[in-house]
């Protein structure tokens, strides 16, 4: 069940065709990390570099936590993308 905070956050996300999300207001926090926690997607802690997955069409404006990952996840996604 979605609580009031989750609902308020999700109303600030615009979902686009292709799975990309954009954040429609200024933010002082890491929006991708916040959304990842909200949807249960574990991302690396600290300053570990995240890579944009090849299926992401909006690049840096996309805040969908499922469109970023570690180097290993990125390399696997590229292999799947090329095989497709």
N, C-alpha and C. Protein backbone atom coordinates (compact mmCIF):
# COMPACT_ATOMS: atom_id res chain seq x y z
N UNK A 1 0.84 -1.18 0.00
CA UNK A 1 0.00 0.00 0.00
C UNK A 1 0.89 1.25 0.00
N UNK A 2 0.51 2.22 -0.76
CA UNK A 2 1.28 3.46 -0.88
C UNK A 2 0.85 4.42 0.22
N UNK A 3 1.82 4.94 0.99
CA UNK A 3 1.47 5.91 2.03
C UNK A 3 1.48 7.32 1.45
N UNK A 4 1.13 8.30 2.27
CA UNK A 4 0.98 9.69 1.81
C UNK A 4 2.29 10.27 1.30
N UNK A 5 3.41 9.94 1.95
CA UNK A 5 4.72 10.46 1.50
C UNK A 5 5.07 9.88 0.14
N UNK A 6 4.89 8.57 -0.01
CA UNK A 6 5.18 7.95 -1.31
C UNK A 6 4.31 8.54 -2.41
N UNK A 7 3.05 8.75 -2.12
CA UNK A 7 2.14 9.34 -3.10
C UNK A 7 2.58 10.75 -3.48
N UNK A 8 2.99 11.54 -2.49
CA UNK A 8 3.45 12.90 -2.77
C UNK A 8 4.70 12.88 -3.64
N UNK A 9 5.61 11.96 -3.36
CA UNK A 9 6.83 11.86 -4.16
C UNK A 9 6.50 11.43 -5.58
N UNK A 10 5.68 10.42 -5.71
CA UNK A 10 5.37 9.90 -7.04
C UNK A 10 4.59 10.91 -7.89
N UNK A 11 3.90 11.85 -7.27
CA UNK A 11 3.22 12.87 -8.07
C UNK A 11 4.21 13.86 -8.66
N UNK A 12 5.44 13.87 -8.16
CA UNK A 12 6.48 14.74 -8.72
C UNK A 12 7.28 14.05 -9.81
N UNK A 13 6.91 12.82 -10.16
CA UNK A 13 7.59 12.06 -11.20
C UNK A 13 6.69 12.00 -12.43
N UNK A 14 7.25 12.37 -13.57
CA UNK A 14 6.54 12.19 -14.84
C UNK A 14 7.08 10.93 -15.50
N UNK A 15 6.19 10.00 -15.81
CA UNK A 15 6.60 8.74 -16.44
C UNK A 15 6.36 8.86 -17.94
N UNK A 16 7.41 8.51 -18.70
CA UNK A 16 7.37 8.66 -20.15
C UNK A 16 7.35 7.30 -20.84
N UNK A 17 6.93 7.30 -22.10
CA UNK A 17 6.97 6.10 -22.90
C UNK A 17 8.40 5.60 -22.95
N UNK A 18 8.60 4.32 -22.91
CA UNK A 18 9.94 3.77 -22.93
C UNK A 18 10.50 3.54 -21.53
N UNK A 19 9.77 3.95 -20.50
CA UNK A 19 10.18 3.68 -19.14
C UNK A 19 10.98 4.76 -18.44
N UNK A 20 11.32 5.84 -19.12
CA UNK A 20 12.07 6.91 -18.47
C UNK A 20 11.16 7.72 -17.57
N UNK A 21 11.74 8.24 -16.49
CA UNK A 21 11.03 9.10 -15.56
C UNK A 21 11.77 10.43 -15.48
N UNK A 22 11.03 11.51 -15.31
CA UNK A 22 11.67 12.80 -15.04
C UNK A 22 11.09 13.37 -13.76
N UNK A 23 11.90 14.15 -13.07
CA UNK A 23 11.51 14.79 -11.81
C UNK A 23 11.11 16.21 -12.15
N UNK A 24 9.93 16.64 -11.75
CA UNK A 24 9.40 17.91 -12.22
C UNK A 24 9.47 19.05 -11.22
N UNK A 25 10.41 18.98 -10.25
CA UNK A 25 10.58 20.11 -9.34
C UNK A 25 12.01 20.12 -8.81
N UNK A 26 12.48 21.25 -8.32
CA UNK A 26 13.85 21.31 -7.77
C UNK A 26 14.00 20.38 -6.57
N UNK A 27 15.21 19.86 -6.40
CA UNK A 27 15.45 18.96 -5.28
C UNK A 27 16.85 19.14 -4.74
N UNK A 28 16.97 19.04 -3.43
CA UNK A 28 18.26 19.15 -2.76
C UNK A 28 18.90 17.77 -2.55
N UNK A 29 18.17 16.70 -2.84
CA UNK A 29 18.69 15.36 -2.58
C UNK A 29 18.97 14.63 -3.89
N UNK A 30 19.54 13.44 -3.77
CA UNK A 30 19.76 12.57 -4.93
C UNK A 30 18.43 11.89 -5.24
N UNK A 31 17.77 12.35 -6.26
CA UNK A 31 16.43 11.88 -6.59
C UNK A 31 16.45 10.40 -6.95
N UNK A 32 17.44 9.97 -7.69
CA UNK A 32 17.50 8.56 -8.09
C UNK A 32 17.62 7.67 -6.85
N UNK A 33 18.49 8.02 -5.90
CA UNK A 33 18.63 7.24 -4.68
C UNK A 33 17.32 7.22 -3.88
N UNK A 34 16.66 8.37 -3.80
CA UNK A 34 15.40 8.45 -3.06
C UNK A 34 14.33 7.56 -3.70
N UNK A 35 14.21 7.64 -5.03
CA UNK A 35 13.22 6.82 -5.72
C UNK A 35 13.57 5.34 -5.65
N UNK A 36 14.86 5.02 -5.69
CA UNK A 36 15.30 3.62 -5.57
C UNK A 36 14.84 3.05 -4.23
N UNK A 37 15.04 3.79 -3.17
CA UNK A 37 14.60 3.33 -1.84
C UNK A 37 13.09 3.16 -1.80
N UNK A 38 12.38 4.04 -2.46
CA UNK A 38 10.93 3.99 -2.47
C UNK A 38 10.40 2.75 -3.18
N UNK A 39 11.04 2.35 -4.27
CA UNK A 39 10.57 1.18 -5.02
C UNK A 39 11.29 -0.10 -4.65
N UNK A 40 12.22 -0.02 -3.70
CA UNK A 40 12.92 -1.22 -3.24
C UNK A 40 14.09 -1.64 -4.11
N UNK A 41 14.61 -0.76 -4.93
CA UNK A 41 15.78 -1.06 -5.78
C UNK A 41 17.04 -0.70 -5.02
N UNK A 42 17.89 -1.67 -4.77
CA UNK A 42 19.12 -1.41 -4.04
C UNK A 42 20.19 -0.91 -5.01
N UNK A 43 20.73 0.26 -4.71
CA UNK A 43 21.83 0.83 -5.47
C UNK A 43 23.06 0.85 -4.57
N UNK A 44 24.24 0.87 -5.14
CA UNK A 44 25.45 0.90 -4.32
C UNK A 44 25.49 2.12 -3.41
N UNK A 45 26.00 1.91 -2.21
CA UNK A 45 26.12 3.00 -1.24
C UNK A 45 27.34 3.85 -1.56
N UNK A 46 27.35 5.05 -1.05
CA UNK A 46 28.52 5.92 -1.17
C UNK A 46 28.65 6.53 -2.55
N UNK A 47 29.89 6.70 -2.96
CA UNK A 47 30.16 7.43 -4.20
C UNK A 47 30.50 6.50 -5.36
N UNK A 48 30.04 5.26 -5.30
CA UNK A 48 30.29 4.33 -6.39
C UNK A 48 29.57 4.82 -7.65
N UNK A 49 30.29 4.79 -8.75
CA UNK A 49 29.75 5.31 -10.01
C UNK A 49 28.60 4.45 -10.52
N UNK A 50 27.56 5.12 -10.98
CA UNK A 50 26.43 4.45 -11.60
C UNK A 50 26.47 4.72 -13.10
N UNK A 51 26.06 3.75 -13.88
CA UNK A 51 26.08 3.86 -15.34
C UNK A 51 24.66 3.83 -15.87
N UNK A 52 24.40 4.62 -16.89
CA UNK A 52 23.09 4.69 -17.52
C UNK A 52 22.92 3.47 -18.42
N UNK A 53 21.84 2.74 -18.27
CA UNK A 53 21.59 1.53 -19.05
C UNK A 53 21.28 1.89 -20.51
N UNK A 54 21.62 1.01 -21.43
CA UNK A 54 21.44 1.33 -22.86
C UNK A 54 19.98 1.55 -23.27
N UNK A 55 19.03 1.00 -22.55
CA UNK A 55 17.62 1.19 -22.93
C UNK A 55 17.07 2.56 -22.53
N UNK A 56 17.84 3.32 -21.76
CA UNK A 56 17.40 4.64 -21.32
C UNK A 56 17.54 5.62 -22.49
N UNK A 57 16.43 6.26 -22.84
CA UNK A 57 16.43 7.15 -24.01
C UNK A 57 16.54 8.63 -23.65
N UNK A 58 16.41 8.96 -22.36
CA UNK A 58 16.41 10.38 -21.98
C UNK A 58 17.72 10.81 -21.31
N UNK A 59 18.65 9.92 -21.19
CA UNK A 59 19.98 10.21 -20.62
C UNK A 59 19.90 10.85 -19.24
N UNK A 60 20.64 11.93 -19.02
CA UNK A 60 20.80 12.50 -17.68
C UNK A 60 19.51 13.02 -17.04
N UNK A 61 18.51 13.35 -17.81
CA UNK A 61 17.28 13.84 -17.20
C UNK A 61 16.42 12.72 -16.63
N UNK A 62 16.72 11.49 -16.99
CA UNK A 62 15.96 10.34 -16.50
C UNK A 62 16.34 10.04 -15.05
N UNK A 63 15.33 9.88 -14.19
CA UNK A 63 15.56 9.56 -12.78
C UNK A 63 15.03 8.18 -12.41
N UNK A 64 14.73 7.35 -13.38
CA UNK A 64 14.25 5.99 -13.10
C UNK A 64 15.41 5.17 -12.55
N UNK A 65 15.32 4.70 -11.30
CA UNK A 65 16.42 3.94 -10.70
C UNK A 65 16.70 2.62 -11.41
N UNK A 66 15.75 2.16 -12.19
CA UNK A 66 15.96 0.92 -12.94
C UNK A 66 16.75 1.17 -14.22
N UNK A 67 17.03 2.42 -14.54
CA UNK A 67 17.81 2.76 -15.72
C UNK A 67 19.26 3.08 -15.40
N UNK A 68 19.69 2.82 -14.16
CA UNK A 68 21.10 2.97 -13.79
C UNK A 68 21.55 1.70 -13.08
N UNK A 69 22.86 1.49 -13.09
CA UNK A 69 23.39 0.32 -12.40
C UNK A 69 24.89 0.38 -12.31
N UNK A 70 25.46 -0.64 -11.72
CA UNK A 70 26.90 -0.73 -11.56
C UNK A 70 27.54 -1.04 -12.92
N UNK A 71 28.86 -0.99 -12.96
CA UNK A 71 29.58 -1.32 -14.20
C UNK A 71 29.24 -2.73 -14.66
N UNK A 72 29.16 -3.67 -13.73
CA UNK A 72 28.84 -5.05 -14.08
C UNK A 72 27.44 -5.16 -14.68
N UNK A 73 26.48 -4.48 -14.08
CA UNK A 73 25.11 -4.48 -14.61
C UNK A 73 25.05 -3.82 -15.98
N UNK A 74 25.82 -2.74 -16.16
CA UNK A 74 25.86 -2.05 -17.45
C UNK A 74 26.43 -2.97 -18.53
N UNK A 75 27.55 -3.63 -18.22
CA UNK A 75 28.17 -4.53 -19.21
C UNK A 75 27.23 -5.66 -19.60
N UNK A 76 26.51 -6.22 -18.63
CA UNK A 76 25.54 -7.28 -18.92
C UNK A 76 24.40 -6.74 -19.79
N UNK A 77 23.93 -5.54 -19.50
CA UNK A 77 22.86 -4.93 -20.29
C UNK A 77 23.31 -4.69 -21.73
N UNK A 78 24.55 -4.26 -21.91
CA UNK A 78 25.08 -4.03 -23.26
C UNK A 78 25.15 -5.35 -24.02
N UNK A 79 25.60 -6.41 -23.35
CA UNK A 79 25.64 -7.74 -24.00
C UNK A 79 24.25 -8.18 -24.44
N UNK A 80 23.26 -8.01 -23.56
CA UNK A 80 21.87 -8.38 -23.91
C UNK A 80 21.36 -7.51 -25.05
N UNK A 81 21.68 -6.21 -24.99
CA UNK A 81 21.22 -5.24 -26.00
C UNK A 81 21.78 -5.62 -27.38
N UNK A 82 23.08 -5.98 -27.43
CA UNK A 82 23.70 -6.35 -28.70
C UNK A 82 23.15 -7.67 -29.23
N UNK A 83 22.84 -8.60 -28.32
CA UNK A 83 22.31 -9.90 -28.73
C UNK A 83 20.89 -9.82 -29.25
N UNK A 84 20.18 -8.81 -28.81
CA UNK A 84 18.79 -8.63 -29.21
C UNK A 84 18.73 -8.17 -30.62
